[in-house]
Amino acid sequence: MSARRSSESALCAAACSALLVACHPGPSARADVPAESQWTTPAPCDSSAATSQGLGAIKAPRDSLLRDVQVRRAAWRARGISDYRVRIAMRCCCPFAPPAILEVRGGIPVALRDSMGWSAGRPPEPYAFTIEGLFDLIERAERNDELVGVSYSCLGYPASVGVDPKGLDNWYWVTADHLTTPR
């Protein structure tokens, strides 16, 4: 197995493990959990603006998909959102993992919480599921011809990314939704 495939397998395993912890959190003090009223959706969203690209039998040329993700990343960066919370869920060939809330400050993951606000441990693989990390995942998977599908939220960030590394049974889908920013 190549080093890249080994790294991707380790990433998938680490992410699944971290998300599995979300359903069995250890005791933690919740005093550090900011009140939900301190977080808001950044802008009104027209859900009809969300777009999807299924990459089945007929596939757009790789260059156009890579240009599209670069344009979308630039639009995301232009929004200037570096502090946010986003609900991340991962489906893969591993056991079911419930969604978790990833808190990002200055573009760096600082906390991973279950849906009840309890700590779910350290965020997996720094930057792995930040919005920038999801753009990186799309570009890397497309360059390796492993991208299965991608959709974007109306705010312009990747809402769903499907990856199927060739030759291995370790496909996975990462979804990101319910993005909020501090008031």
N, C-alpha and C. Protein backbone atom coordinates (compact mmCIF):
# COMPACT_ATOMS: atom_id res chain seq x y z
N MET A 1 0.85 -1.17 0.00
CA MET A 1 0.00 0.00 0.00
C MET A 1 0.90 1.23 0.00
N SER A 2 0.61 2.19 -0.88
CA SER A 2 1.44 3.38 -0.96
C SER A 2 1.30 4.22 0.30
N ALA A 3 2.25 5.10 0.50
CA ALA A 3 2.23 5.97 1.68
C ALA A 3 0.99 6.87 1.66
N ARG A 4 0.60 7.34 0.47
CA ARG A 4 -0.56 8.21 0.35
C ARG A 4 -1.82 7.45 0.74
N ARG A 5 -1.99 6.25 0.23
CA ARG A 5 -3.17 5.45 0.56
C ARG A 5 -3.17 5.09 2.04
N SER A 6 -2.00 4.81 2.59
CA SER A 6 -1.90 4.51 4.02
C SER A 6 -2.32 5.73 4.84
N SER A 7 -1.89 6.91 4.40
CA SER A 7 -2.25 8.15 5.08
C SER A 7 -3.75 8.39 5.00
N GLU A 8 -4.35 8.14 3.80
CA GLU A 8 -5.80 8.32 3.66
C GLU A 8 -6.56 7.32 4.50
N SER A 9 -6.06 6.09 4.58
CA SER A 9 -6.72 5.08 5.43
C SER A 9 -6.64 5.49 6.89
N ALA A 10 -5.48 6.01 7.30
CA ALA A 10 -5.31 6.46 8.68
C ALA A 10 -6.24 7.63 8.97
N LEU A 11 -6.38 8.56 8.00
CA LEU A 11 -7.28 9.70 8.17
C LEU A 11 -8.71 9.22 8.34
N CYS A 12 -9.13 8.28 7.49
CA CYS A 12 -10.49 7.75 7.58
C CYS A 12 -10.71 7.08 8.94
N ALA A 13 -9.75 6.26 9.35
CA ALA A 13 -9.87 5.56 10.63
C ALA A 13 -9.90 6.55 11.80
N ALA A 14 -9.03 7.57 11.75
CA ALA A 14 -8.99 8.56 12.84
C ALA A 14 -10.29 9.34 12.90
N ALA A 15 -10.80 9.73 11.74
CA ALA A 15 -12.04 10.50 11.72
C ALA A 15 -13.21 9.66 12.23
N CYS A 16 -13.28 8.42 11.77
CA CYS A 16 -14.36 7.54 12.23
C CYS A 16 -14.25 7.32 13.74
N SER A 17 -13.04 7.11 14.23
CA SER A 17 -12.85 6.89 15.67
C SER A 17 -13.28 8.12 16.47
N ALA A 18 -12.86 9.29 16.00
CA ALA A 18 -13.21 10.52 16.73
C ALA A 18 -14.71 10.75 16.72
N LEU A 19 -15.34 10.48 15.60
CA LEU A 19 -16.78 10.68 15.53
C LEU A 19 -17.53 9.62 16.33
N LEU A 20 -16.99 8.42 16.43
CA LEU A 20 -17.62 7.40 17.26
C LEU A 20 -17.58 7.78 18.74
N VAL A 21 -16.51 8.47 19.13
CA VAL A 21 -16.39 8.91 20.52
C VAL A 21 -17.52 9.86 20.86
N ALA A 22 -18.04 10.56 19.85
CA ALA A 22 -19.09 11.54 20.10
C ALA A 22 -20.33 10.92 20.74
N CYS A 23 -20.58 9.65 20.48
CA CYS A 23 -21.78 9.05 21.06
C CYS A 23 -21.50 8.44 22.43
N HIS A 24 -20.25 8.40 22.85
CA HIS A 24 -19.89 7.89 24.17
C HIS A 24 -18.88 8.82 24.84
N PRO A 25 -19.26 10.08 25.05
CA PRO A 25 -18.30 11.03 25.61
C PRO A 25 -18.03 10.73 27.07
N GLY A 26 -16.83 11.05 27.47
CA GLY A 26 -16.48 10.94 28.87
C GLY A 26 -17.03 12.15 29.61
N PRO A 27 -16.95 12.16 30.92
CA PRO A 27 -17.45 13.31 31.65
C PRO A 27 -16.61 14.54 31.34
N SER A 28 -17.27 15.65 31.20
CA SER A 28 -16.54 16.89 30.98
C SER A 28 -17.37 18.03 31.55
N ALA A 29 -16.69 19.07 31.91
CA ALA A 29 -17.38 20.26 32.40
C ALA A 29 -17.91 21.00 31.18
N ARG A 30 -19.13 21.45 31.24
CA ARG A 30 -19.72 22.14 30.11
C ARG A 30 -19.64 23.65 30.28
N ALA A 31 -18.92 24.11 31.26
CA ALA A 31 -18.80 25.55 31.48
C ALA A 31 -18.11 26.22 30.30
N ASP A 32 -17.28 25.46 29.57
CA ASP A 32 -16.56 26.05 28.45
C ASP A 32 -17.38 26.07 27.16
N VAL A 33 -18.61 25.59 27.20
CA VAL A 33 -19.45 25.57 26.01
C VAL A 33 -20.17 26.90 25.90
N PRO A 34 -19.84 27.69 24.86
CA PRO A 34 -20.50 28.97 24.70
C PRO A 34 -22.00 28.76 24.47
N ALA A 35 -22.80 29.66 24.98
CA ALA A 35 -24.25 29.57 24.79
C ALA A 35 -24.57 29.63 23.30
N GLU A 36 -25.54 28.83 22.89
CA GLU A 36 -25.91 28.79 21.48
C GLU A 36 -26.37 30.15 20.99
N SER A 37 -26.89 30.99 21.87
CA SER A 37 -27.35 32.31 21.44
C SER A 37 -26.19 33.19 20.99
N GLN A 38 -24.96 32.78 21.27
CA GLN A 38 -23.80 33.55 20.84
C GLN A 38 -23.37 33.19 19.42
N TRP A 39 -24.06 32.27 18.78
CA TRP A 39 -23.70 31.82 17.44
C TRP A 39 -24.88 32.06 16.51
N THR A 40 -24.59 32.43 15.28
CA THR A 40 -25.64 32.74 14.33
C THR A 40 -25.23 32.28 12.93
N THR A 41 -26.21 32.03 12.08
CA THR A 41 -25.93 31.73 10.68
C THR A 41 -25.44 33.02 10.04
N PRO A 42 -24.33 32.98 9.27
CA PRO A 42 -23.72 34.20 8.76
C PRO A 42 -24.59 35.06 7.86
N ALA A 43 -25.43 34.47 7.04
CA ALA A 43 -26.26 35.25 6.13
C ALA A 43 -27.47 34.42 5.75
N PRO A 44 -28.54 35.10 5.38
CA PRO A 44 -29.70 34.33 4.93
C PRO A 44 -29.29 33.48 3.73
N CYS A 45 -29.85 32.31 3.68
CA CYS A 45 -29.48 31.35 2.66
C CYS A 45 -30.68 30.97 1.81
N ASP A 46 -30.53 31.06 0.53
CA ASP A 46 -31.55 30.56 -0.38
C ASP A 46 -31.13 29.14 -0.73
N SER A 47 -31.85 28.16 -0.21
CA SER A 47 -31.45 26.77 -0.39
C SER A 47 -31.44 26.34 -1.84
N SER A 48 -32.08 27.09 -2.73
CA SER A 48 -32.05 26.73 -4.15
C SER A 48 -30.69 27.02 -4.76
N ALA A 49 -29.84 27.78 -4.03
CA ALA A 49 -28.52 28.12 -4.54
C ALA A 49 -27.51 26.99 -4.36
N ALA A 50 -27.83 26.01 -3.53
CA ALA A 50 -26.91 24.89 -3.33
C ALA A 50 -26.79 24.11 -4.63
N THR A 51 -25.57 23.70 -4.95
CA THR A 51 -25.35 22.98 -6.19
C THR A 51 -24.69 21.65 -5.90
N SER A 52 -24.85 20.74 -6.83
CA SER A 52 -24.31 19.40 -6.66
C SER A 52 -23.69 18.95 -7.97
N GLN A 53 -22.61 18.21 -7.86
CA GLN A 53 -21.99 17.61 -9.02
C GLN A 53 -21.86 16.12 -8.75
N GLY A 54 -22.67 15.33 -9.43
CA GLY A 54 -22.51 13.88 -9.37
C GLY A 54 -21.48 13.52 -10.42
N LEU A 55 -20.57 12.69 -10.08
CA LEU A 55 -19.47 12.40 -10.99
C LEU A 55 -19.53 10.96 -11.48
N GLY A 56 -20.70 10.51 -11.84
CA GLY A 56 -20.90 9.13 -12.26
C GLY A 56 -20.20 8.80 -13.57
N ALA A 57 -20.92 8.15 -14.47
CA ALA A 57 -20.35 7.65 -15.71
C ALA A 57 -19.84 8.78 -16.61
N ILE A 58 -20.59 9.88 -16.68
CA ILE A 58 -20.15 11.01 -17.51
C ILE A 58 -19.53 12.03 -16.58
N LYS A 59 -18.28 12.30 -16.82
CA LYS A 59 -17.54 13.16 -15.90
C LYS A 59 -17.03 14.39 -16.62
N ALA A 60 -17.16 15.53 -15.97
CA ALA A 60 -16.62 16.76 -16.53
C ALA A 60 -15.10 16.66 -16.57
N PRO A 61 -14.49 17.36 -17.51
CA PRO A 61 -13.02 17.33 -17.55
C PRO A 61 -12.42 17.76 -16.21
N ARG A 62 -11.37 17.08 -15.82
CA ARG A 62 -10.73 17.34 -14.52
C ARG A 62 -10.37 18.80 -14.34
N ASP A 63 -9.82 19.43 -15.40
CA ASP A 63 -9.42 20.83 -15.28
C ASP A 63 -10.60 21.72 -14.91
N SER A 64 -11.78 21.47 -15.48
CA SER A 64 -12.92 22.33 -15.17
C SER A 64 -13.38 22.11 -13.74
N LEU A 65 -13.32 20.88 -13.23
CA LEU A 65 -13.69 20.63 -11.84
C LEU A 65 -12.70 21.30 -10.89
N LEU A 66 -11.42 21.24 -11.22
CA LEU A 66 -10.42 21.88 -10.37
C LEU A 66 -10.56 23.40 -10.40
N ARG A 67 -10.85 23.97 -11.58
CA ARG A 67 -11.09 25.42 -11.66
C ARG A 67 -12.32 25.80 -10.85
N ASP A 68 -13.36 24.97 -10.93
CA ASP A 68 -14.59 25.25 -10.18
C ASP A 68 -14.30 25.30 -8.68
N VAL A 69 -13.56 24.34 -8.16
CA VAL A 69 -13.28 24.32 -6.71
C VAL A 69 -12.39 25.51 -6.33
N GLN A 70 -11.48 25.92 -7.22
CA GLN A 70 -10.64 27.08 -6.93
C GLN A 70 -11.48 28.36 -6.87
N VAL A 71 -12.44 28.50 -7.78
CA VAL A 71 -13.32 29.67 -7.78
C VAL A 71 -14.18 29.67 -6.51
N ARG A 72 -14.70 28.51 -6.15
CA ARG A 72 -15.55 28.42 -4.95
C ARG A 72 -14.73 28.69 -3.68
N ARG A 73 -13.49 28.21 -3.64
CA ARG A 73 -12.63 28.48 -2.48
C ARG A 73 -12.36 29.98 -2.37
N ALA A 74 -12.09 30.62 -3.48
CA ALA A 74 -11.83 32.07 -3.46
C ALA A 74 -13.07 32.82 -2.97
N ALA A 75 -14.25 32.40 -3.40
CA ALA A 75 -15.49 33.04 -2.94
C ALA A 75 -15.68 32.82 -1.44
N TRP A 76 -15.37 31.61 -0.96
CA TRP A 76 -15.47 31.33 0.47
C TRP A 76 -14.51 32.23 1.25
N ARG A 77 -13.27 32.32 0.80
CA ARG A 77 -12.27 33.15 1.48
C ARG A 77 -12.70 34.62 1.48
N ALA A 78 -13.34 35.07 0.41
CA ALA A 78 -13.78 36.46 0.33
C ALA A 78 -14.83 36.78 1.41
N ARG A 79 -15.53 35.78 1.89
CA ARG A 79 -16.50 35.99 2.97
C ARG A 79 -15.79 36.33 4.28
N GLY A 80 -14.51 35.98 4.42
CA GLY A 80 -13.75 36.31 5.61
C GLY A 80 -14.16 35.56 6.86
N ILE A 81 -14.73 34.38 6.71
CA ILE A 81 -15.18 33.60 7.87
C ILE A 81 -14.05 32.66 8.30
N SER A 82 -13.45 32.95 9.45
CA SER A 82 -12.39 32.07 9.95
C SER A 82 -12.74 31.49 11.32
N ASP A 83 -13.77 32.03 11.96
CA ASP A 83 -14.28 31.51 13.23
C ASP A 83 -15.69 31.00 12.98
N TYR A 84 -15.90 29.71 13.22
CA TYR A 84 -17.22 29.14 12.96
C TYR A 84 -17.36 27.79 13.64
N ARG A 85 -18.59 27.35 13.69
CA ARG A 85 -18.92 25.98 14.07
C ARG A 85 -19.61 25.35 12.88
N VAL A 86 -19.34 24.10 12.64
CA VAL A 86 -19.99 23.39 11.55
C VAL A 86 -20.25 21.95 11.99
N ARG A 87 -21.42 21.45 11.64
CA ARG A 87 -21.73 20.05 11.96
C ARG A 87 -21.12 19.19 10.87
N ILE A 88 -20.31 18.23 11.29
CA ILE A 88 -19.61 17.33 10.39
C ILE A 88 -20.12 15.91 10.63
N ALA A 89 -20.40 15.22 9.55
CA ALA A 89 -20.76 13.81 9.66
C ALA A 89 -19.95 13.05 8.62
N MET A 90 -19.62 11.82 8.96
CA MET A 90 -18.85 11.00 8.05
C MET A 90 -19.51 9.64 7.94
N ARG A 91 -19.73 9.24 6.72
CA ARG A 91 -20.20 7.88 6.45
C ARG A 91 -19.07 7.19 5.71
N CYS A 92 -18.83 5.97 6.12
CA CYS A 92 -17.75 5.24 5.47
C CYS A 92 -17.99 3.75 5.60
N CYS A 93 -17.00 2.99 5.18
CA CYS A 93 -17.09 1.54 5.27
C CYS A 93 -16.98 1.06 6.71
N CYS A 94 -16.77 1.98 7.63
CA CYS A 94 -16.66 1.64 9.05
C CYS A 94 -18.03 1.76 9.73
N PRO A 95 -18.15 1.43 11.00
CA PRO A 95 -19.44 1.53 11.69
C PRO A 95 -19.98 2.96 11.69
N PHE A 96 -21.29 3.08 11.87
CA PHE A 96 -21.96 4.38 11.89
C PHE A 96 -21.32 5.31 12.90
N ALA A 97 -21.12 6.54 12.51
CA ALA A 97 -20.61 7.57 13.40
C ALA A 97 -21.60 8.73 13.41
N PRO A 98 -22.05 9.15 14.57
CA PRO A 98 -23.00 10.28 14.63
C PRO A 98 -22.29 11.58 14.26
N PRO A 99 -23.06 12.58 13.87
CA PRO A 99 -22.46 13.88 13.55
C PRO A 99 -21.79 14.49 14.78
N ALA A 100 -20.85 15.37 14.53
CA ALA A 100 -20.16 16.10 15.59
C ALA A 100 -20.08 17.56 15.17
N ILE A 101 -19.92 18.43 16.15
CA ILE A 101 -19.79 19.86 15.89
C ILE A 101 -18.32 20.22 16.02
N LEU A 102 -17.76 20.72 14.93
CA LEU A 102 -16.37 21.16 14.91
C LEU A 102 -16.34 22.66 15.08
N GLU A 103 -15.59 23.13 16.09
CA GLU A 103 -15.43 24.56 16.30
C GLU A 103 -14.06 24.96 15.78
N VAL A 104 -14.04 26.01 14.98
CA VAL A 104 -12.82 26.48 14.32
C VAL A 104 -12.61 27.94 14.70
N ARG A 105 -11.40 28.26 15.11
CA ARG A 105 -11.03 29.64 15.46
C ARG A 105 -9.79 30.02 14.65
N GLY A 106 -9.88 31.09 13.91
CA GLY A 106 -8.74 31.51 13.10
C GLY A 106 -8.33 30.45 12.09
N GLY A 107 -9.30 29.65 11.63
CA GLY A 107 -9.03 28.60 10.66
C GLY A 107 -8.49 27.31 11.26
N ILE A 108 -8.31 27.27 12.60
CA ILE A 108 -7.73 26.11 13.26
C ILE A 108 -8.79 25.41 14.12
N PRO A 109 -8.95 24.09 13.95
CA PRO A 109 -9.93 23.38 14.78
C PRO A 109 -9.53 23.43 16.25
N VAL A 110 -10.46 23.86 17.11
CA VAL A 110 -10.15 23.97 18.53
C VAL A 110 -10.98 23.05 19.41
N ALA A 111 -12.13 22.59 18.91
CA ALA A 111 -12.98 21.72 19.73
C ALA A 111 -13.85 20.85 18.82
N LEU A 112 -14.12 19.66 19.31
CA LEU A 112 -15.04 18.73 18.66
C LEU A 112 -16.04 18.32 19.72
N ARG A 113 -17.32 18.53 19.44
CA ARG A 113 -18.37 18.25 20.42
C ARG A 113 -19.44 17.36 19.79
N ASP A 114 -20.11 16.59 20.66
CA ASP A 114 -21.25 15.82 20.16
C ASP A 114 -22.45 16.76 20.04
N SER A 115 -23.56 16.24 19.59
CA SER A 115 -24.72 17.09 19.36
C SER A 115 -25.32 17.66 20.65
N MET A 116 -24.93 17.13 21.79
CA MET A 116 -25.41 17.64 23.08
C MET A 116 -24.45 18.68 23.67
N GLY A 117 -23.33 18.93 23.01
CA GLY A 117 -22.37 19.92 23.50
C GLY A 117 -21.24 19.34 24.33
N TRP A 118 -21.22 18.04 24.52
CA TRP A 118 -20.15 17.40 25.30
C TRP A 118 -18.91 17.24 24.43
N SER A 119 -17.76 17.32 25.06
CA SER A 119 -16.51 17.15 24.34
C SER A 119 -16.45 15.76 23.72
N ALA A 120 -15.99 15.72 22.49
CA ALA A 120 -15.82 14.44 21.79
C ALA A 120 -14.33 14.20 21.53
N GLY A 121 -13.49 14.78 22.36
CA GLY A 121 -12.05 14.59 22.20
C GLY A 121 -11.45 15.66 21.31
N ARG A 122 -10.22 15.44 20.96
CA ARG A 122 -9.51 16.38 20.10
C ARG A 122 -10.00 16.25 18.67
N PRO A 123 -10.03 17.35 17.93
CA PRO A 123 -10.41 17.25 16.51
C PRO A 123 -9.42 16.34 15.78
N PRO A 124 -9.92 15.47 14.89
CA PRO A 124 -9.04 14.57 14.15
C PRO A 124 -8.21 15.33 13.13
N GLU A 125 -7.01 14.85 12.91
CA GLU A 125 -6.15 15.38 11.86
C GLU A 125 -6.34 16.88 11.69
N PRO A 126 -5.45 17.67 12.21
CA PRO A 126 -5.62 19.13 12.08
C PRO A 126 -6.02 19.52 10.65
N TYR A 127 -7.00 20.37 10.56
CA TYR A 127 -7.51 20.93 9.31
C TYR A 127 -8.30 19.95 8.46
N ALA A 128 -8.42 18.68 8.88
CA ALA A 128 -9.06 17.67 8.04
C ALA A 128 -10.47 18.05 7.63
N PHE A 129 -11.28 18.54 8.56
CA PHE A 129 -12.66 18.81 8.21
C PHE A 129 -13.04 20.27 8.40
N THR A 130 -12.05 21.14 8.43
CA THR A 130 -12.36 22.56 8.35
C THR A 130 -12.88 22.81 6.95
N ILE A 131 -13.44 23.96 6.69
CA ILE A 131 -13.92 24.27 5.34
C ILE A 131 -12.74 24.25 4.37
N GLU A 132 -11.62 24.85 4.75
CA GLU A 132 -10.43 24.80 3.89
C GLU A 132 -9.98 23.35 3.66
N GLY A 133 -10.04 22.54 4.71
CA GLY A 133 -9.66 21.13 4.59
C GLY A 133 -10.57 20.38 3.63
N LEU A 134 -11.85 20.72 3.62
CA LEU A 134 -12.77 20.08 2.68
C LEU A 134 -12.45 20.48 1.24
N PHE A 135 -12.11 21.76 1.02
CA PHE A 135 -11.68 22.16 -0.32
C PHE A 135 -10.43 21.39 -0.73
N ASP A 136 -9.47 21.24 0.20
CA ASP A 136 -8.26 20.46 -0.07
C ASP A 136 -8.61 19.02 -0.43
N LEU A 137 -9.54 18.43 0.31
CA LEU A 137 -9.96 17.05 0.06
C LEU A 137 -10.52 16.91 -1.35
N ILE A 138 -11.36 17.85 -1.78
CA ILE A 138 -11.92 17.80 -3.12
C ILE A 138 -10.82 17.85 -4.17
N GLU A 139 -9.90 18.79 -4.03
CA GLU A 139 -8.82 18.92 -5.01
C GLU A 139 -7.95 17.67 -5.06
N ARG A 140 -7.58 17.15 -3.89
CA ARG A 140 -6.72 15.96 -3.84
C ARG A 140 -7.43 14.74 -4.44
N ALA A 141 -8.70 14.56 -4.08
CA ALA A 141 -9.44 13.41 -4.60
C ALA A 141 -9.64 13.52 -6.11
N GLU A 142 -9.90 14.71 -6.60
CA GLU A 142 -10.09 14.87 -8.04
C GLU A 142 -8.79 14.62 -8.79
N ARG A 143 -7.68 15.12 -8.28
CA ARG A 143 -6.38 14.88 -8.94
C ARG A 143 -6.04 13.39 -8.99
N ASN A 144 -6.48 12.64 -7.98
CA ASN A 144 -6.21 11.20 -7.91
C ASN A 144 -7.32 10.36 -8.54
N ASP A 145 -8.29 11.03 -9.18
CA ASP A 145 -9.43 10.36 -9.80
C ASP A 145 -10.19 9.50 -8.79
N GLU A 146 -10.38 10.05 -7.59
CA GLU A 146 -11.09 9.35 -6.52
C GLU A 146 -12.36 10.07 -6.08
N LEU A 147 -12.64 11.22 -6.68
CA LEU A 147 -13.81 12.01 -6.29
C LEU A 147 -15.07 11.38 -6.88
N VAL A 148 -16.03 11.07 -6.01
CA VAL A 148 -17.27 10.44 -6.43
C VAL A 148 -18.36 11.49 -6.62
N GLY A 149 -18.42 12.46 -5.74
CA GLY A 149 -19.44 13.49 -5.82
C GLY A 149 -19.12 14.63 -4.89
N VAL A 150 -19.67 15.79 -5.21
CA VAL A 150 -19.47 16.96 -4.36
C VAL A 150 -20.70 17.85 -4.50
N SER A 151 -21.11 18.44 -3.39
CA SER A 151 -22.16 19.46 -3.44
C SER A 151 -21.73 20.60 -2.53
N TYR A 152 -22.28 21.76 -2.80
CA TYR A 152 -21.91 22.96 -2.06
C TYR A 152 -23.14 23.56 -1.40
N SER A 153 -22.93 24.16 -0.25
CA SER A 153 -24.03 24.85 0.45
C SER A 153 -24.30 26.16 -0.28
N CYS A 154 -25.41 26.77 0.09
CA CYS A 154 -25.73 28.07 -0.50
C CYS A 154 -24.74 29.15 -0.05
N LEU A 155 -24.01 28.89 1.03
CA LEU A 155 -22.97 29.83 1.48
C LEU A 155 -21.66 29.61 0.73
N GLY A 156 -21.59 28.55 -0.10
CA GLY A 156 -20.42 28.33 -0.94
C GLY A 156 -19.40 27.34 -0.43
N TYR A 157 -19.59 26.80 0.76
CA TYR A 157 -18.62 25.81 1.25
C TYR A 157 -19.05 24.40 0.85
N PRO A 158 -18.12 23.43 0.81
CA PRO A 158 -18.48 22.06 0.46
C PRO A 158 -19.44 21.48 1.50
N ALA A 159 -20.61 21.05 1.04
CA ALA A 159 -21.61 20.48 1.93
C ALA A 159 -21.53 18.96 1.96
N SER A 160 -21.02 18.36 0.89
CA SER A 160 -20.90 16.91 0.82
C SER A 160 -19.77 16.56 -0.14
N VAL A 161 -18.88 15.69 0.32
CA VAL A 161 -17.76 15.25 -0.51
C VAL A 161 -17.68 13.73 -0.42
N GLY A 162 -17.74 13.08 -1.56
CA GLY A 162 -17.63 11.62 -1.61
C GLY A 162 -16.32 11.23 -2.25
N VAL A 163 -15.60 10.32 -1.59
CA VAL A 163 -14.29 9.88 -2.06
C VAL A 163 -14.26 8.35 -2.06
N ASP A 164 -13.69 7.79 -3.13
CA ASP A 164 -13.54 6.34 -3.22
C ASP A 164 -12.14 6.03 -3.73
N PRO A 165 -11.16 5.88 -2.80
CA PRO A 165 -9.81 5.54 -3.22
C PRO A 165 -9.81 4.23 -4.00
N LYS A 166 -9.18 4.23 -5.14
CA LYS A 166 -9.17 3.07 -6.02
C LYS A 166 -8.42 1.90 -5.40
N GLY A 167 -8.95 0.73 -5.58
CA GLY A 167 -8.27 -0.48 -5.14
C GLY A 167 -8.46 -0.82 -3.67
N LEU A 168 -9.14 0.04 -2.94
CA LEU A 168 -9.33 -0.21 -1.52
C LEU A 168 -10.82 -0.10 -1.19
N ASP A 169 -11.26 -0.83 -0.19
CA ASP A 169 -12.65 -0.72 0.24
C ASP A 169 -12.71 0.24 1.42
N ASN A 170 -12.40 1.50 1.15
CA ASN A 170 -12.43 2.50 2.22
C ASN A 170 -13.06 3.80 1.72
N TRP A 171 -14.17 3.68 1.00
CA TRP A 171 -14.90 4.85 0.53
C TRP A 171 -15.43 5.63 1.73
N TYR A 172 -15.65 6.91 1.54
CA TYR A 172 -16.25 7.71 2.60
C TYR A 172 -16.90 8.96 2.03
N TRP A 173 -17.90 9.46 2.76
CA TRP A 173 -18.58 10.70 2.45
C TRP A 173 -18.47 11.59 3.68
N VAL A 174 -18.12 12.83 3.48
CA VAL A 174 -18.08 13.80 4.56
C VAL A 174 -19.14 14.85 4.24
N THR A 175 -20.00 15.14 5.21
CA THR A 175 -20.98 16.20 5.02
C THR A 175 -20.74 17.30 6.05
N ALA A 176 -20.99 18.52 5.63
CA ALA A 176 -20.83 19.69 6.50
C ALA A 176 -22.08 20.54 6.34
N ASP A 177 -22.70 20.89 7.48
CA ASP A 177 -23.88 21.73 7.42
C ASP A 177 -24.06 22.48 8.74
N HIS A 178 -25.08 23.26 8.82
CA HIS A 178 -25.40 24.07 10.02
C HIS A 178 -24.23 24.94 10.46
N LEU A 179 -23.59 25.60 9.51
CA LEU A 179 -22.48 26.48 9.84
C LEU A 179 -23.01 27.72 10.56
N THR A 180 -22.37 28.04 11.68
CA THR A 180 -22.71 29.24 12.44
C THR A 180 -21.42 29.99 12.77
N THR A 181 -21.56 31.28 13.00
CA THR A 181 -20.41 32.11 13.37
C THR A 181 -20.72 32.82 14.68
N PRO A 182 -19.67 33.24 15.41
CA PRO A 182 -19.93 33.99 16.65
C PRO A 182 -20.55 35.35 16.31
N ARG A 183 -21.40 35.82 17.20
CA ARG A 183 -22.02 37.14 16.98
C ARG A 183 -21.02 38.23 17.20
